[in-house]
Amino acid sequence: MWINMAITWSPNMPPIALMAWLTKEWRLFALVNGIVCIPGILFCLVFISESPRWLIHKGKIGAATDIMKNEFCRGKIGEEVESIVIRECELSHRADAKKRKYSIHHLFYSRKLATITIVLAFS
């Protein structure tokens, strides 16, 4: 059900309500809804590639280079891909080195943050 509602929440409400009304019980509704979601999941697995920036951040530079070459070849800009990936990798490592580590107690450092945290926790 979540994939039906996650992508386009508002337009999917009437078909989901109709499907729930036609199936009459939640187990059949969940089964039918799962079957309806299969084409969307397959489409995402086949046609949508991972973000090159995320791959670089995780150290998978070869996969990021391949994805960028495939994307850039469509626009006929395949020569500079290696330098772009290496530069992006260096920028990512520099940004990671500068990051400060935060934990749960940082949510209570100031009165304003503590108030927001408590309100959101109990709402």
PDB file of N, CA and C in Angstrom:
ATOM      1  N   MET A   1       0.813  -1.192   0.000  1.00  0.00           N
ATOM      2  CA  MET A   1       0.000   0.000   0.000  1.00  0.00           C
ATOM      3  C   MET A   1       0.854   1.253   0.000  1.00  0.00           C
ATOM      4  N   TRP A   2       1.983   1.209   0.687  1.00  0.00           N
ATOM      5  CA  TRP A   2       2.753   2.431   0.859  1.00  0.00           C
ATOM      6  C   TRP A   2       3.276   2.978  -0.458  1.00  0.00           C
ATOM      7  N   ILE A   3       3.626   2.109  -1.414  1.00  0.00           N
ATOM      8  CA  ILE A   3       4.153   2.629  -2.677  1.00  0.00           C
ATOM      9  C   ILE A   3       3.055   3.324  -3.471  1.00  0.00           C
ATOM     10  N   ASN A   4       1.830   2.844  -3.365  1.00  0.00           N
ATOM     11  CA  ASN A   4       0.719   3.531  -4.038  1.00  0.00           C
ATOM     12  C   ASN A   4       0.520   4.929  -3.473  1.00  0.00           C
ATOM     13  N   MET A   5       0.687   5.075  -2.191  1.00  0.00           N
ATOM     14  CA  MET A   5       0.422   6.356  -1.555  1.00  0.00           C
ATOM     15  C   MET A   5       1.652   7.260  -1.527  1.00  0.00           C
ATOM     16  N   ALA A   6       2.837   6.687  -1.583  1.00  0.00           N
ATOM     17  CA  ALA A   6       4.048   7.493  -1.459  1.00  0.00           C
ATOM     18  C   ALA A   6       4.313   8.341  -2.687  1.00  0.00           C
ATOM     19  N   ILE A   7       4.042   7.814  -3.853  1.00  0.00           N
ATOM     20  CA  ILE A   7       4.399   8.529  -5.075  1.00  0.00           C
ATOM     21  C   ILE A   7       3.438   9.679  -5.332  1.00  0.00           C
ATOM     22  N   THR A   8       2.165   9.396  -5.396  1.00  0.00           N
ATOM     23  CA  THR A   8       1.169  10.445  -5.636  1.00  0.00           C
ATOM     24  C   THR A   8       0.003  10.200  -4.697  1.00  0.00           C
ATOM     25  N   TRP A   9       0.038  10.821  -3.549  1.00  0.00           N
ATOM     26  CA  TRP A   9      -0.923  10.529  -2.500  1.00  0.00           C
ATOM     27  C   TRP A   9      -2.340  10.906  -2.905  1.00  0.00           C
ATOM     28  N   SER A  10      -2.557  12.112  -3.329  1.00  0.00           N
ATOM     29  CA  SER A  10      -3.909  12.599  -3.584  1.00  0.00           C
ATOM     30  C   SER A  10      -4.633  11.870  -4.716  1.00  0.00           C
ATOM     31  N   PRO A  11      -4.020  11.688  -5.886  1.00  0.00           N
ATOM     32  CA  PRO A  11      -4.746  10.989  -6.957  1.00  0.00           C
ATOM     33  C   PRO A  11      -5.009   9.513  -6.659  1.00  0.00           C
ATOM     34  N   ASN A  12      -4.256   8.932  -5.752  1.00  0.00           N
ATOM     35  CA  ASN A  12      -4.436   7.512  -5.458  1.00  0.00           C
ATOM     36  C   ASN A  12      -5.502   7.231  -4.409  1.00  0.00           C
ATOM     37  N   MET A  13      -6.008   8.233  -3.742  1.00  0.00           N
ATOM     38  CA  MET A  13      -7.021   7.992  -2.712  1.00  0.00           C
ATOM     39  C   MET A  13      -8.304   7.373  -3.265  1.00  0.00           C
ATOM     40  N   PRO A  14      -8.904   7.889  -4.339  1.00  0.00           N
ATOM     41  CA  PRO A  14     -10.138   7.260  -4.845  1.00  0.00           C
ATOM     42  C   PRO A  14      -9.946   5.814  -5.322  1.00  0.00           C
ATOM     43  N   PRO A  15      -8.902   5.491  -6.101  1.00  0.00           N
ATOM     44  CA  PRO A  15      -8.746   4.084  -6.493  1.00  0.00           C
ATOM     45  C   PRO A  15      -8.483   3.154  -5.307  1.00  0.00           C
ATOM     46  N   ILE A  16      -7.722   3.632  -4.326  1.00  0.00           N
ATOM     47  CA  ILE A  16      -7.454   2.811  -3.139  1.00  0.00           C
ATOM     48  C   ILE A  16      -8.752   2.577  -2.366  1.00  0.00           C
ATOM     49  N   ALA A  17      -9.559   3.609  -2.220  1.00  0.00           N
ATOM     50  CA  ALA A  17     -10.839   3.462  -1.520  1.00  0.00           C
ATOM     51  C   ALA A  17     -11.757   2.506  -2.275  1.00  0.00           C
ATOM     52  N   LEU A  18     -11.799   2.622  -3.596  1.00  0.00           N
ATOM     53  CA  LEU A  18     -12.618   1.718  -4.405  1.00  0.00           C
ATOM     54  C   LEU A  18     -12.116   0.279  -4.281  1.00  0.00           C
ATOM     55  N   MET A  19     -10.798   0.104  -4.313  1.00  0.00           N
ATOM     56  CA  MET A  19     -10.229  -1.234  -4.178  1.00  0.00           C
ATOM     57  C   MET A  19     -10.571  -1.826  -2.808  1.00  0.00           C
ATOM     58  N   ALA A  20     -10.501  -1.008  -1.766  1.00  0.00           N
ATOM     59  CA  ALA A  20     -10.848  -1.485  -0.425  1.00  0.00           C
ATOM     60  C   ALA A  20     -12.322  -1.856  -0.342  1.00  0.00           C
ATOM     61  N   TRP A  21     -13.176  -1.070  -0.968  1.00  0.00           N
ATOM     62  CA  TRP A  21     -14.614  -1.350  -0.941  1.00  0.00           C
ATOM     63  C   TRP A  21     -14.933  -2.620  -1.722  1.00  0.00           C
ATOM     64  N   LEU A  22     -14.265  -2.843  -2.862  1.00  0.00           N
ATOM     65  CA  LEU A  22     -14.532  -4.024  -3.678  1.00  0.00           C
ATOM     66  C   LEU A  22     -14.010  -5.311  -3.040  1.00  0.00           C
ATOM     67  N   THR A  23     -12.891  -5.241  -2.356  1.00  0.00           N
ATOM     68  CA  THR A  23     -12.313  -6.458  -1.776  1.00  0.00           C
ATOM     69  C   THR A  23     -12.977  -6.861  -0.464  1.00  0.00           C
ATOM     70  N   LYS A  24     -13.538  -5.940   0.273  1.00  0.00           N
ATOM     71  CA  LYS A  24     -14.339  -6.177   1.486  1.00  0.00           C
ATOM     72  C   LYS A  24     -13.556  -6.651   2.720  1.00  0.00           C
ATOM     73  N   GLU A  25     -12.400  -7.234   2.573  1.00  0.00           N
ATOM     74  CA  GLU A  25     -11.631  -7.647   3.749  1.00  0.00           C
ATOM     75  C   GLU A  25     -10.174  -7.250   3.561  1.00  0.00           C
ATOM     76  N   TRP A  26      -9.499  -7.011   4.667  1.00  0.00           N
ATOM     77  CA  TRP A  26      -8.182  -6.407   4.610  1.00  0.00           C
ATOM     78  C   TRP A  26      -7.131  -7.337   4.019  1.00  0.00           C
ATOM     79  N   ARG A  27      -7.251  -8.638   4.207  1.00  0.00           N
ATOM     80  CA  ARG A  27      -6.238  -9.554   3.667  1.00  0.00           C
ATOM     81  C   ARG A  27      -6.270  -9.582   2.144  1.00  0.00           C
ATOM     82  N   LEU A  28      -7.456  -9.643   1.578  1.00  0.00           N
ATOM     83  CA  LEU A  28      -7.583  -9.612   0.127  1.00  0.00           C
ATOM     84  C   LEU A  28      -7.162  -8.243  -0.414  1.00  0.00           C
ATOM     85  N   PHE A  29      -7.512  -7.185   0.318  1.00  0.00           N
ATOM     86  CA  PHE A  29      -7.105  -5.839  -0.077  1.00  0.00           C
ATOM     87  C   PHE A  29      -5.584  -5.715  -0.111  1.00  0.00           C
ATOM     88  N   ALA A  30      -4.915  -6.230   0.907  1.00  0.00           N
ATOM     89  CA  ALA A  30      -3.453  -6.175   0.946  1.00  0.00           C
ATOM     90  C   ALA A  30      -2.842  -6.984  -0.196  1.00  0.00           C
ATOM     91  N   LEU A  31      -3.417  -8.136  -0.505  1.00  0.00           N
ATOM     92  CA  LEU A  31      -2.918  -8.966  -1.602  1.00  0.00           C
ATOM     93  C   LEU A  31      -3.086  -8.265  -2.949  1.00  0.00           C
ATOM     94  N   VAL A  32      -4.274  -7.742  -3.203  1.00  0.00           N
ATOM     95  CA  VAL A  32      -4.532  -7.048  -4.471  1.00  0.00           C
ATOM     96  C   VAL A  32      -3.647  -5.811  -4.588  1.00  0.00           C
ATOM     97  N   ASN A  33      -3.511  -5.090  -3.514  1.00  0.00           N
ATOM     98  CA  ASN A  33      -2.675  -3.895  -3.519  1.00  0.00           C
ATOM     99  C   ASN A  33      -1.213  -4.250  -3.772  1.00  0.00           C
ATOM    100  N   GLY A  34      -0.749  -5.340  -3.212  1.00  0.00           N
ATOM    101  CA  GLY A  34       0.614  -5.793  -3.472  1.00  0.00           C
ATOM    102  C   GLY A  34       0.826  -6.166  -4.925  1.00  0.00           C
ATOM    103  N   ILE A  35      -0.161  -6.821  -5.505  1.00  0.00           N
ATOM    104  CA  ILE A  35      -0.064  -7.204  -6.919  1.00  0.00           C
ATOM    105  C   ILE A  35      -0.061  -5.964  -7.809  1.00  0.00           C
ATOM    106  N   VAL A  36      -0.866  -4.970  -7.454  1.00  0.00           N
ATOM    107  CA  VAL A  36      -0.918  -3.734  -8.230  1.00  0.00           C
ATOM    108  C   VAL A  36       0.419  -2.984  -8.157  1.00  0.00           C
ATOM    109  N   CYS A  37       1.141  -3.131  -7.063  1.00  0.00           N
ATOM    110  CA  CYS A  37       2.412  -2.419  -6.880  1.00  0.00           C
ATOM    111  C   CYS A  37       3.574  -3.050  -7.643  1.00  0.00           C
ATOM    112  N   ILE A  38       3.464  -4.306  -8.033  1.00  0.00           N
ATOM    113  CA  ILE A  38       4.582  -5.011  -8.672  1.00  0.00           C
ATOM    114  C   ILE A  38       5.103  -4.297  -9.922  1.00  0.00           C
ATOM    115  N   PRO A  39       4.262  -3.836 -10.853  1.00  0.00           N
ATOM    116  CA  PRO A  39       4.820  -3.135 -12.024  1.00  0.00           C
ATOM    117  C   PRO A  39       5.619  -1.879 -11.662  1.00  0.00           C
ATOM    118  N   GLY A  40       5.175  -1.133 -10.672  1.00  0.00           N
ATOM    119  CA  GLY A  40       5.910   0.058 -10.250  1.00  0.00           C
ATOM    120  C   GLY A  40       7.264  -0.280  -9.657  1.00  0.00           C
ATOM    121  N   ILE A  41       7.303  -1.335  -8.858  1.00  0.00           N
ATOM    122  CA  ILE A  41       8.568  -1.763  -8.264  1.00  0.00           C
ATOM    123  C   ILE A  41       9.523  -2.246  -9.345  1.00  0.00           C
ATOM    124  N   LEU A  42       9.019  -3.041 -10.289  1.00  0.00           N
ATOM    125  CA  LEU A  42       9.867  -3.524 -11.382  1.00  0.00           C
ATOM    126  C   LEU A  42      10.388  -2.368 -12.231  1.00  0.00           C
ATOM    127  N   PHE A  43       9.540  -1.384 -12.492  1.00  0.00           N
ATOM    128  CA  PHE A  43       9.977  -0.211 -13.249  1.00  0.00           C
ATOM    129  C   PHE A  43      11.125   0.493 -12.532  1.00  0.00           C
ATOM    130  N   CYS A  44      10.986   0.680 -11.227  1.00  0.00           N
ATOM    131  CA  CYS A  44      12.035   1.356 -10.459  1.00  0.00           C
ATOM    132  C   CYS A  44      13.332   0.562 -10.471  1.00  0.00           C
ATOM    133  N   LEU A  45      13.244  -0.750 -10.335  1.00  0.00           N
ATOM    134  CA  LEU A  45      14.449  -1.577 -10.324  1.00  0.00           C
ATOM    135  C   LEU A  45      15.165  -1.578 -11.665  1.00  0.00           C
ATOM    136  N   VAL A  46      14.414  -1.548 -12.759  1.00  0.00           N
ATOM    137  CA  VAL A  46      15.015  -1.662 -14.084  1.00  0.00           C
ATOM    138  C   VAL A  46      15.492  -0.313 -14.619  1.00  0.00           C
ATOM    139  N   PHE A  47      14.696   0.734 -14.478  1.00  0.00           N
ATOM    140  CA  PHE A  47      14.972   1.978 -15.187  1.00  0.00           C
ATOM    141  C   PHE A  47      15.556   3.103 -14.338  1.00  0.00           C
ATOM    142  N   ILE A  48      15.518   2.995 -13.033  1.00  0.00           N
ATOM    143  CA  ILE A  48      16.023   4.079 -12.192  1.00  0.00           C
ATOM    144  C   ILE A  48      17.325   3.628 -11.545  1.00  0.00           C
ATOM    145  N   SER A  49      18.394   4.356 -11.836  1.00  0.00           N
ATOM    146  CA  SER A  49      19.701   3.991 -11.295  1.00  0.00           C
ATOM    147  C   SER A  49      19.957   4.734  -9.982  1.00  0.00           C
ATOM    148  N   GLU A  50      20.934   4.246  -9.257  1.00  0.00           N
ATOM    149  CA  GLU A  50      21.305   4.862  -7.993  1.00  0.00           C
ATOM    150  C   GLU A  50      21.977   6.205  -8.264  1.00  0.00           C
ATOM    151  N   SER A  51      21.917   7.092  -7.312  1.00  0.00           N
ATOM    152  CA  SER A  51      22.536   8.407  -7.455  1.00  0.00           C
ATOM    153  C   SER A  51      24.057   8.273  -7.451  1.00  0.00           C
ATOM    154  N   PRO A  52      24.738   8.852  -8.447  1.00  0.00           N
ATOM    155  CA  PRO A  52      26.203   8.781  -8.455  1.00  0.00           C
ATOM    156  C   PRO A  52      26.821   9.416  -7.212  1.00  0.00           C
ATOM    157  N   ARG A  53      26.219  10.475  -6.722  1.00  0.00           N
ATOM    158  CA  ARG A  53      26.760  11.117  -5.516  1.00  0.00           C
ATOM    159  C   ARG A  53      26.715  10.163  -4.320  1.00  0.00           C
ATOM    160  N   TRP A  54      25.625   9.429  -4.177  1.00  0.00           N
ATOM    161  CA  TRP A  54      25.510   8.475  -3.078  1.00  0.00           C
ATOM    162  C   TRP A  54      26.529   7.354  -3.244  1.00  0.00           C
ATOM    163  N   LEU A  55      26.684   6.868  -4.475  1.00  0.00           N
ATOM    164  CA  LEU A  55      27.657   5.809  -4.727  1.00  0.00           C
ATOM    165  C   LEU A  55      29.075   6.277  -4.408  1.00  0.00           C
ATOM    166  N   ILE A  56      29.403   7.503  -4.776  1.00  0.00           N
ATOM    167  CA  ILE A  56      30.726   8.050  -4.467  1.00  0.00           C
ATOM    168  C   ILE A  56      30.903   8.143  -2.964  1.00  0.00           C
ATOM    169  N   HIS A  57      29.880   8.587  -2.274  1.00  0.00           N
ATOM    170  CA  HIS A  57      29.945   8.708  -0.817  1.00  0.00           C
ATOM    171  C   HIS A  57      30.180   7.351  -0.161  1.00  0.00           C
ATOM    172  N   LYS A  58      29.617   6.295  -0.740  1.00  0.00           N
ATOM    173  CA  LYS A  58      29.790   4.952  -0.197  1.00  0.00           C
ATOM    174  C   LYS A  58      31.065   4.277  -0.692  1.00  0.00           C
ATOM    175  N   GLY A  59      31.839   4.958  -1.560  1.00  0.00           N
ATOM    176  CA  GLY A  59      33.101   4.410  -2.039  1.00  0.00           C
ATOM    177  C   GLY A  59      32.980   3.528  -3.263  1.00  0.00           C
ATOM    178  N   LYS A  60      31.835   3.506  -3.897  1.00  0.00           N
ATOM    179  CA  LYS A  60      31.627   2.687  -5.099  1.00  0.00           C
ATOM    180  C   LYS A  60      31.863   3.555  -6.336  1.00  0.00           C
ATOM    181  N   ILE A  61      33.117   3.906  -6.551  1.00  0.00           N
ATOM    182  CA  ILE A  61      33.472   4.852  -7.601  1.00  0.00           C
ATOM    183  C   ILE A  61      33.274   4.250  -8.985  1.00  0.00           C
ATOM    184  N   GLY A  62      33.554   2.969  -9.145  1.00  0.00           N
ATOM    185  CA  GLY A  62      33.366   2.318 -10.444  1.00  0.00           C
ATOM    186  C   GLY A  62      31.915   2.350 -10.894  1.00  0.00           C
ATOM    187  N   ALA A  63      31.010   2.052  -9.982  1.00  0.00           N
ATOM    188  CA  ALA A  63      29.583   2.071 -10.322  1.00  0.00           C
ATOM    189  C   ALA A  63      29.123   3.496 -10.627  1.00  0.00           C
ATOM    190  N   ALA A  64      29.627   4.467  -9.871  1.00  0.00           N
ATOM    191  CA  ALA A  64      29.261   5.863 -10.121  1.00  0.00           C
ATOM    192  C   ALA A  64      29.760   6.313 -11.489  1.00  0.00           C
ATOM    193  N   THR A  65      30.970   5.897 -11.839  1.00  0.00           N
ATOM    194  CA  THR A  65      31.527   6.248 -13.148  1.00  0.00           C
ATOM    195  C   THR A  65      30.700   5.641 -14.266  1.00  0.00           C
ATOM    196  N   ASP A  66      30.305   4.384 -14.108  1.00  0.00           N
ATOM    197  CA  ASP A  66      29.488   3.726 -15.139  1.00  0.00           C
ATOM    198  C   ASP A  66      28.155   4.439 -15.336  1.00  0.00           C
ATOM    199  N   ILE A  67      27.498   4.786 -14.239  1.00  0.00           N
ATOM    200  CA  ILE A  67      26.208   5.471 -14.336  1.00  0.00           C
ATOM    201  C   ILE A  67      26.375   6.834 -14.997  1.00  0.00           C
ATOM    202  N   MET A  68      27.421   7.554 -14.603  1.00  0.00           N
ATOM    203  CA  MET A  68      27.631   8.874 -15.197  1.00  0.00           C
ATOM    204  C   MET A  68      27.978   8.772 -16.675  1.00  0.00           C
ATOM    205  N   LYS A  69      28.755   7.759 -17.048  1.00  0.00           N
ATOM    206  CA  LYS A  69      29.072   7.574 -18.471  1.00  0.00           C
ATOM    207  C   LYS A  69      27.806   7.276 -19.261  1.00  0.00           C
ATOM    208  N   ASN A  70      26.944   6.424 -18.722  1.00  0.00           N
ATOM    209  CA  ASN A  70      25.686   6.114 -19.411  1.00  0.00           C
ATOM    210  C   ASN A  70      24.817   7.355 -19.562  1.00  0.00           C
ATOM    211  N   GLU A  71      24.730   8.157 -18.515  1.00  0.00           N
ATOM    212  CA  GLU A  71      23.903   9.361 -18.576  1.00  0.00           C
ATOM    213  C   GLU A  71      24.509  10.405 -19.498  1.00  0.00           C
ATOM    214  N   PHE A  72      25.830  10.574 -19.419  1.00  0.00           N
ATOM    215  CA  PHE A  72      26.480  11.590 -20.241  1.00  0.00           C
ATOM    216  C   PHE A  72      26.570  11.186 -21.702  1.00  0.00           C
ATOM    217  N   CYS A  73      26.618   9.895 -21.981  1.00  0.00           N
ATOM    218  CA  CYS A  73      26.690   9.454 -23.378  1.00  0.00           C
ATOM    219  C   CYS A  73      25.426   9.837 -24.130  1.00  0.00           C
ATOM    220  N   ARG A  74      24.330   9.929 -23.424  1.00  0.00           N
ATOM    221  CA  ARG A  74      23.095  10.377 -24.072  1.00  0.00           C
ATOM    222  C   ARG A  74      23.234  11.823 -24.524  1.00  0.00           C
ATOM    223  N   GLY A  75      24.008  12.590 -23.770  1.00  0.00           N
ATOM    224  CA  GLY A  75      24.234  13.986 -24.127  1.00  0.00           C
ATOM    225  C   GLY A  75      25.563  14.190 -24.830  1.00  0.00           C
ATOM    226  N   LYS A  76      26.268  13.108 -25.149  1.00  0.00           N
ATOM    227  CA  LYS A  76      27.538  13.151 -25.871  1.00  0.00           C
ATOM    228  C   LYS A  76      28.622  13.918 -25.110  1.00  0.00           C
ATOM    229  N   ILE A  77      28.711  13.712 -23.793  1.00  0.00           N
ATOM    230  CA  ILE A  77      29.759  14.357 -23.004  1.00  0.00           C
ATOM    231  C   ILE A  77      30.487  13.286 -22.199  1.00  0.00           C
ATOM    232  N   GLY A  78      31.076  12.301 -22.814  1.00  0.00           N
ATOM    233  CA  GLY A  78      31.638  11.181 -22.091  1.00  0.00           C
ATOM    234  C   GLY A  78      33.074  11.310 -21.650  1.00  0.00           C
ATOM    235  N   GLU A  79      33.825  12.326 -22.096  1.00  0.00           N
ATOM    236  CA  GLU A  79      35.264  12.376 -21.848  1.00  0.00           C
ATOM    237  C   GLU A  79      35.639  12.809 -20.435  1.00  0.00           C
ATOM    238  N   GLU A  80      34.886  13.696 -19.841  1.00  0.00           N
ATOM    239  CA  GLU A  80      35.282  14.283 -18.567  1.00  0.00           C
ATOM    240  C   GLU A  80      34.719  13.546 -17.357  1.00  0.00           C
ATOM    241  N   VAL A  81      34.116  12.405 -17.562  1.00  0.00           N
ATOM    242  CA  VAL A  81      33.424  11.719 -16.470  1.00  0.00           C
ATOM    243  C   VAL A  81      34.377  11.328 -15.352  1.00  0.00           C
ATOM    244  N   GLU A  82      35.538  10.774 -15.687  1.00  0.00           N
ATOM    245  CA  GLU A  82      36.486  10.340 -14.655  1.00  0.00           C
ATOM    246  C   GLU A  82      36.911  11.508 -13.769  1.00  0.00           C
ATOM    247  N   SER A  83      37.238  12.644 -14.374  1.00  0.00           N
ATOM    248  CA  SER A  83      37.672  13.792 -13.576  1.00  0.00           C
ATOM    249  C   SER A  83      36.532  14.322 -12.706  1.00  0.00           C
ATOM    250  N   ILE A  84      35.321  14.268 -13.222  1.00  0.00           N
ATOM    251  CA  ILE A  84      34.166  14.711 -12.431  1.00  0.00           C
ATOM    252  C   ILE A  84      33.976  13.804 -11.223  1.00  0.00           C
ATOM    253  N   VAL A  85      34.074  12.500 -11.435  1.00  0.00           N
ATOM    254  CA  VAL A  85      33.893  11.543 -10.336  1.00  0.00           C
ATOM    255  C   VAL A  85      34.984  11.715  -9.297  1.00  0.00           C
ATOM    256  N   ILE A  86      36.219  11.860  -9.733  1.00  0.00           N
ATOM    257  CA  ILE A  86      37.325  12.011  -8.783  1.00  0.00           C
ATOM    258  C   ILE A  86      37.176  13.313  -7.995  1.00  0.00           C
ATOM    259  N   ARG A  87      36.817  14.400  -8.681  1.00  0.00           N
ATOM    260  CA  ARG A  87      36.630  15.678  -7.990  1.00  0.00           C
ATOM    261  C   ARG A  87      35.488  15.582  -6.979  1.00  0.00           C
ATOM    262  N   GLU A  88      34.411  14.939  -7.374  1.00  0.00           N
ATOM    263  CA  GLU A  88      33.264  14.781  -6.474  1.00  0.00           C
ATOM    264  C   GLU A  88      33.634  13.917  -5.270  1.00  0.00           C
ATOM    265  N   CYS A  89      34.447  12.909  -5.499  1.00  0.00           N
ATOM    266  CA  CYS A  89      34.899  12.039  -4.405  1.00  0.00           C
ATOM    267  C   CYS A  89      35.737  12.834  -3.408  1.00  0.00           C
ATOM    268  N   GLU A  90      36.636  13.657  -3.913  1.00  0.00           N
ATOM    269  CA  GLU A  90      37.454  14.485  -3.027  1.00  0.00           C
ATOM    270  C   GLU A  90      36.599  15.468  -2.238  1.00  0.00           C
ATOM    271  N   LEU A  91      35.630  16.087  -2.901  1.00  0.00           N
ATOM    272  CA  LEU A  91      34.735  17.015  -2.201  1.00  0.00           C
ATOM    273  C   LEU A  91      33.925  16.305  -1.124  1.00  0.00           C
ATOM    274  N   SER A  92      33.485  15.102  -1.428  1.00  0.00           N
ATOM    275  CA  SER A  92      32.709  14.328  -0.463  1.00  0.00           C
ATOM    276  C   SER A  92      33.549  13.970   0.757  1.00  0.00           C
ATOM    277  N   HIS A  93      34.802  13.564   0.515  1.00  0.00           N
ATOM    278  CA  HIS A  93      35.675  13.212   1.640  1.00  0.00           C
ATOM    279  C   HIS A  93      36.021  14.437   2.480  1.00  0.00           C
ATOM    280  N   ARG A  94      36.218  15.578   1.831  1.00  0.00           N
ATOM    281  CA  ARG A  94      36.486  16.805   2.580  1.00  0.00           C
ATOM    282  C   ARG A  94      35.282  17.208   3.428  1.00  0.00           C
ATOM    283  N   ALA A  95      34.097  17.077   2.857  1.00  0.00           N
ATOM    284  CA  ALA A  95      32.879  17.426   3.599  1.00  0.00           C
ATOM    285  C   ALA A  95      32.677  16.484   4.781  1.00  0.00           C
ATOM    286  N   ASP A  96      32.995  15.197   4.589  1.00  0.00           N
ATOM    287  CA  ASP A  96      32.861  14.239   5.690  1.00  0.00           C
ATOM    288  C   ASP A  96      33.843  14.540   6.810  1.00  0.00           C
ATOM    289  N   ALA A  97      35.038  14.991   6.452  1.00  0.00           N
ATOM    290  CA  ALA A  97      36.041  15.294   7.467  1.00  0.00           C
ATOM    291  C   ALA A  97      35.620  16.490   8.315  1.00  0.00           C
ATOM    292  N   LYS A  98      34.888  17.433   7.724  1.00  0.00           N
ATOM    293  CA  LYS A  98      34.466  18.627   8.445  1.00  0.00           C
ATOM    294  C   LYS A  98      33.211  18.411   9.283  1.00  0.00           C
ATOM    295  N   LYS A  99      32.475  17.351   9.022  1.00  0.00           N
ATOM    296  CA  LYS A  99      31.207  17.138   9.718  1.00  0.00           C
ATOM    297  C   LYS A  99      31.424  16.894  11.203  1.00  0.00           C
ATOM    298  N   ARG A 100      30.527  17.441  11.976  1.00  0.00           N
ATOM    299  CA  ARG A 100      30.551  17.218  13.408  1.00  0.00           C
ATOM    300  C   ARG A 100      29.599  16.077  13.724  1.00  0.00           C
ATOM    301  N   LYS A 101      29.952  15.250  14.650  1.00  0.00           N
ATOM    302  CA  LYS A 101      29.106  14.127  15.045  1.00  0.00           C
ATOM    303  C   LYS A 101      28.078  14.609  16.069  1.00  0.00           C
ATOM    304  N   TYR A 102      26.820  14.294  15.786  1.00  0.00           N
ATOM    305  CA  TYR A 102      25.736  14.676  16.683  1.00  0.00           C
ATOM    306  C   TYR A 102      25.100  13.431  17.284  1.00  0.00           C
ATOM    307  N   SER A 103      24.531  13.594  18.459  1.00  0.00           N
ATOM    308  CA  SER A 103      23.820  12.491  19.098  1.00  0.00           C
ATOM    309  C   SER A 103      22.513  13.031  19.682  1.00  0.00           C
ATOM    310  N   ILE A 104      21.805  12.180  20.377  1.00  0.00           N
ATOM    311  CA  ILE A 104      20.479  12.521  20.888  1.00  0.00           C
ATOM    312  C   ILE A 104      20.527  13.662  21.909  1.00  0.00           C
ATOM    313  N   HIS A 105      21.611  13.755  22.657  1.00  0.00           N
ATOM    314  CA  HIS A 105      21.651  14.814  23.679  1.00  0.00           C
ATOM    315  C   HIS A 105      21.805  16.212  23.071  1.00  0.00           C
ATOM    316  N   HIS A 106      22.184  16.306  21.802  1.00  0.00           N
ATOM    317  CA  HIS A 106      22.255  17.608  21.145  1.00  0.00           C
ATOM    318  C   HIS A 106      20.860  18.208  20.915  1.00  0.00           C
ATOM    319  N   LEU A 107      19.828  17.376  20.959  1.00  0.00           N
ATOM    320  CA  LEU A 107      18.467  17.886  20.807  1.00  0.00           C
ATOM    321  C   LEU A 107      18.017  18.696  22.017  1.00  0.00           C
ATOM    322  N   PHE A 108      18.761  18.600  23.107  1.00  0.00           N
ATOM    323  CA  PHE A 108      18.380  19.288  24.337  1.00  0.00           C
ATOM    324  C   PHE A 108      19.411  20.335  24.754  1.00  0.00           C
ATOM    325  N   TYR A 109      20.266  20.783  23.820  1.00  0.00           N
ATOM    326  CA  TYR A 109      21.284  21.785  24.146  1.00  0.00           C
ATOM    327  C   TYR A 109      20.688  23.147  24.482  1.00  0.00           C
ATOM    328  N   SER A 110      19.648  23.524  23.802  1.00  0.00           N
ATOM    329  CA  SER A 110      19.020  24.817  24.086  1.00  0.00           C
ATOM    330  C   SER A 110      17.559  24.594  24.477  1.00  0.00           C
ATOM    331  N   ARG A 111      16.991  25.602  25.091  1.00  0.00           N
ATOM    332  CA  ARG A 111      15.591  25.509  25.522  1.00  0.00           C
ATOM    333  C   ARG A 111      14.661  25.365  24.314  1.00  0.00           C
ATOM    334  N   LYS A 112      14.958  26.094  23.241  1.00  0.00           N
ATOM    335  CA  LYS A 112      14.123  26.051  22.042  1.00  0.00           C
ATOM    336  C   LYS A 112      14.159  24.656  21.408  1.00  0.00           C
ATOM    337  N   LEU A 113      15.357  24.089  21.264  1.00  0.00           N
ATOM    338  CA  LEU A 113      15.468  22.746  20.693  1.00  0.00           C
ATOM    339  C   LEU A 113      14.784  21.703  21.567  1.00  0.00           C
ATOM    340  N   ALA A 114      14.928  21.841  22.874  1.00  0.00           N
ATOM    341  CA  ALA A 114      14.286  20.891  23.783  1.00  0.00           C
ATOM    342  C   ALA A 114      12.769  20.970  23.664  1.00  0.00           C
ATOM    343  N   THR A 115      12.231  22.185  23.583  1.00  0.00           N
ATOM    344  CA  THR A 115      10.781  22.360  23.440  1.00  0.00           C
ATOM    345  C   THR A 115      10.281  21.742  22.145  1.00  0.00           C
ATOM    346  N   ILE A 116      10.973  22.020  21.048  1.00  0.00           N
ATOM    347  CA  ILE A 116      10.574  21.462  19.754  1.00  0.00           C
ATOM    348  C   ILE A 116      10.639  19.940  19.785  1.00  0.00           C
ATOM    349  N   THR A 117      11.688  19.395  20.372  1.00  0.00           N
ATOM    350  CA  THR A 117      11.844  17.943  20.447  1.00  0.00           C
ATOM    351  C   THR A 117      10.713  17.305  21.236  1.00  0.00           C
ATOM    352  N   ILE A 118      10.383  17.882  22.371  1.00  0.00           N
ATOM    353  CA  ILE A 118       9.326  17.319  23.219  1.00  0.00           C
ATOM    354  C   ILE A 118       7.963  17.437  22.544  1.00  0.00           C
ATOM    355  N   VAL A 119       7.691  18.582  21.927  1.00  0.00           N
ATOM    356  CA  VAL A 119       6.402  18.764  21.243  1.00  0.00           C
ATOM    357  C   VAL A 119       6.262  17.767  20.097  1.00  0.00           C
ATOM    358  N   LEU A 120       7.310  17.605  19.302  1.00  0.00           N
ATOM    359  CA  LEU A 120       7.244  16.660  18.189  1.00  0.00           C
ATOM    360  C   LEU A 120       7.166  15.212  18.662  1.00  0.00           C
ATOM    361  N   ALA A 121       7.791  14.915  19.785  1.00  0.00           N
ATOM    362  CA  ALA A 121       7.760  13.544  20.290  1.00  0.00           C
ATOM    363  C   ALA A 121       6.369  13.145  20.765  1.00  0.00           C
ATOM    364  N   PHE A 122       5.621  14.098  21.309  1.00  0.00           N
ATOM    365  CA  PHE A 122       4.311  13.768  21.854  1.00  0.00           C
ATOM    366  C   PHE A 122       3.145  14.188  20.970  1.00  0.00           C
ATOM    367  N   SER A 123       3.433  14.639  19.758  1.00  0.00           N
ATOM    368  CA  SER A 123       2.318  15.031  18.881  1.00  0.00           C
ATOM    369  C   SER A 123       1.966  13.930  17.912  1.00  0.00           C
TER     370      SER A 123
END
